[in-house]
Amino acid sequence: MSRTTTRRRTERQAAPPLCAYRLMWMLVMFDLPVTTEDDRKAANDFRHDLLDFGFERCQFSVYLRFCEGREQADTWTRRVQAVLPSGGKVYCLYFTDKQYSGIIRFERRKRQKPLKNPDQFQLF
């Protein structure tokens, strides 16, 4: 096998094509205590951290973020873990872009059009 052939195979393996089965969504759901002033501050700080990480608020305690794949979702999970408040429960769920495209949503008892998936990644 020539060097060129080996290099081409390595490049293809390093950058698999993007598809709806590889692209992921990460959902963070939480139930945090808010009985004391310190609890409320910790819960609000956690919400702000999620927004700073690029998560989008779906509901008051449910946040969603688009990821390139499972590896990136794992990275975001570690970042979420690093800012967890001391009390309460936090759940991280993952699902593929293909599964996300099948979500049915209702607002005010009316069925809404499916949410548009991102067309491209943001680079910064």
Protein backbone atom coordinates (compact mmCIF):
# COMPACT_ATOMS: atom_id res chain seq x y z
CA MET A 1 0.00 0.00 0.00
CA SER A 2 1.40 3.39 -0.93
CA ARG A 3 1.84 6.34 1.40
CA THR A 4 -0.76 8.38 -0.49
CA THR A 5 -3.43 5.71 -0.08
CA THR A 6 -2.70 5.42 3.65
CA ARG A 7 -2.89 9.19 4.08
CA ARG A 8 -6.23 9.42 2.25
CA ARG A 9 -7.78 6.70 4.38
CA THR A 10 -6.57 8.39 7.56
CA GLU A 11 -8.02 11.73 6.46
CA ARG A 12 -11.39 10.12 5.69
CA GLN A 13 -11.47 8.39 9.06
CA ALA A 14 -10.55 11.59 10.88
CA ALA A 15 -13.49 13.55 9.46
CA PRO A 16 -16.58 11.35 9.03
CA PRO A 17 -19.40 12.90 7.03
CA LEU A 18 -22.05 14.76 8.96
CA CYS A 19 -25.41 13.05 8.96
CA ALA A 20 -28.62 13.11 10.97
CA TYR A 21 -27.59 9.93 12.81
CA ARG A 22 -24.22 11.37 13.96
CA LEU A 23 -25.34 14.92 14.87
CA MET A 24 -26.70 15.11 18.40
CA TRP A 25 -28.88 17.23 20.62
CA MET A 26 -28.24 17.49 24.35
CA LEU A 27 -31.11 18.16 26.71
CA VAL A 28 -30.45 19.28 30.29
CA MET A 29 -33.37 19.03 32.71
CA PHE A 30 -33.14 20.00 36.35
CA ASP A 31 -35.07 20.42 39.55
CA LEU A 32 -33.13 22.65 41.93
CA PRO A 33 -34.09 23.84 45.42
CA VAL A 34 -35.11 27.50 45.68
CA THR A 35 -36.17 27.71 49.32
CA THR A 36 -33.39 30.01 50.51
CA GLU A 37 -31.76 33.06 48.99
CA ASP A 38 -28.53 31.09 48.43
CA ASP A 39 -30.48 28.28 46.69
CA ARG A 40 -32.18 30.76 44.36
CA LYS A 41 -28.85 32.38 43.52
CA ALA A 42 -27.25 28.98 42.80
CA ALA A 43 -30.18 27.95 40.57
CA ASN A 44 -30.07 31.24 38.65
CA ASP A 45 -26.30 31.02 38.27
CA PHE A 46 -26.71 27.51 36.85
CA ARG A 47 -29.32 28.73 34.33
CA HIS A 48 -27.03 31.57 33.27
CA ASP A 49 -24.11 29.17 32.90
CA LEU A 50 -26.20 26.99 30.57
CA LEU A 51 -27.09 30.04 28.47
CA ASP A 52 -23.42 31.08 28.40
CA PHE A 53 -22.56 27.57 27.16
CA GLY A 54 -24.90 28.06 24.19
CA PHE A 55 -27.90 26.16 25.48
CA GLU A 56 -31.34 27.41 24.51
CA ARG A 57 -34.19 27.52 27.00
CA CYS A 58 -37.12 25.26 26.06
CA GLN A 59 -38.91 25.55 29.38
CA PHE A 60 -37.97 27.01 32.73
CA SER A 61 -35.86 24.00 33.78
CA VAL A 62 -35.22 22.44 30.37
CA TYR A 63 -32.36 23.55 28.12
CA LEU A 64 -31.27 22.24 24.71
CA ARG A 65 -28.01 22.41 22.74
CA PHE A 66 -26.92 21.18 19.31
CA CYS A 67 -23.71 19.11 19.22
CA GLU A 68 -21.57 17.74 16.38
CA GLY A 69 -21.54 14.26 17.86
CA ARG A 70 -21.33 12.20 21.00
CA GLU A 71 -17.78 13.35 21.77
CA GLN A 72 -18.85 16.99 21.84
CA ALA A 73 -21.93 16.11 23.90
CA ASP A 74 -19.64 14.39 26.43
CA THR A 75 -17.50 17.54 26.56
CA TRP A 76 -20.56 19.69 27.28
CA THR A 77 -21.66 17.22 29.94
CA ARG A 78 -18.32 17.67 31.73
CA ARG A 79 -18.73 21.45 31.51
CA VAL A 80 -22.25 21.22 32.95
CA GLN A 81 -20.93 18.96 35.71
CA ALA A 82 -18.30 21.56 36.58
CA VAL A 83 -20.96 24.21 37.34
CA LEU A 84 -23.54 22.02 39.12
CA PRO A 85 -25.11 23.56 42.23
CA SER A 86 -24.80 21.58 45.45
CA GLY A 87 -28.46 20.51 45.70
CA GLY A 88 -31.19 19.23 43.43
CA LYS A 89 -31.28 16.89 40.45
CA VAL A 90 -29.85 17.42 36.96
CA TYR A 91 -30.36 15.07 34.01
CA CYS A 92 -28.52 15.14 30.67
CA LEU A 93 -30.16 13.36 27.76
CA TYR A 94 -28.83 12.88 24.23
CA PHE A 95 -30.65 12.14 21.01
CA THR A 96 -29.75 12.19 17.35
CA ASP A 97 -30.70 14.92 14.93
CA LYS A 98 -32.85 12.34 13.13
CA GLN A 99 -34.81 11.71 16.33
CA TYR A 100 -35.07 15.46 17.00
CA SER A 101 -36.62 16.04 13.57
CA GLY A 102 -39.56 13.85 14.64
CA ILE A 103 -40.48 15.96 17.67
CA ILE A 104 -44.09 17.13 17.69
CA ARG A 105 -44.76 20.28 19.67
CA PHE A 106 -47.88 22.11 20.71
CA GLU A 107 -48.33 25.69 21.88
CA ARG A 108 -51.69 26.90 23.19
CA ARG A 109 -53.31 23.63 22.10
CA LYS A 110 -52.23 24.15 18.48
CA ARG A 111 -49.74 21.95 16.68
CA GLN A 112 -46.66 23.90 15.65
CA LYS A 113 -44.39 23.45 12.67
CA PRO A 114 -41.23 21.44 13.43
CA LEU A 115 -38.31 23.50 14.67
CA LYS A 116 -35.69 24.20 12.03
CA ASN A 117 -32.38 22.45 12.59
CA PRO A 118 -29.24 24.56 12.26
CA ASP A 119 -27.94 24.80 8.68
CA GLN A 120 -24.30 25.13 9.68
CA PHE A 121 -22.00 25.20 12.66
CA GLN A 122 -20.85 28.42 14.24
CA LEU A 123 -17.11 28.78 14.32
CA PHE A 124 -15.47 31.11 16.77
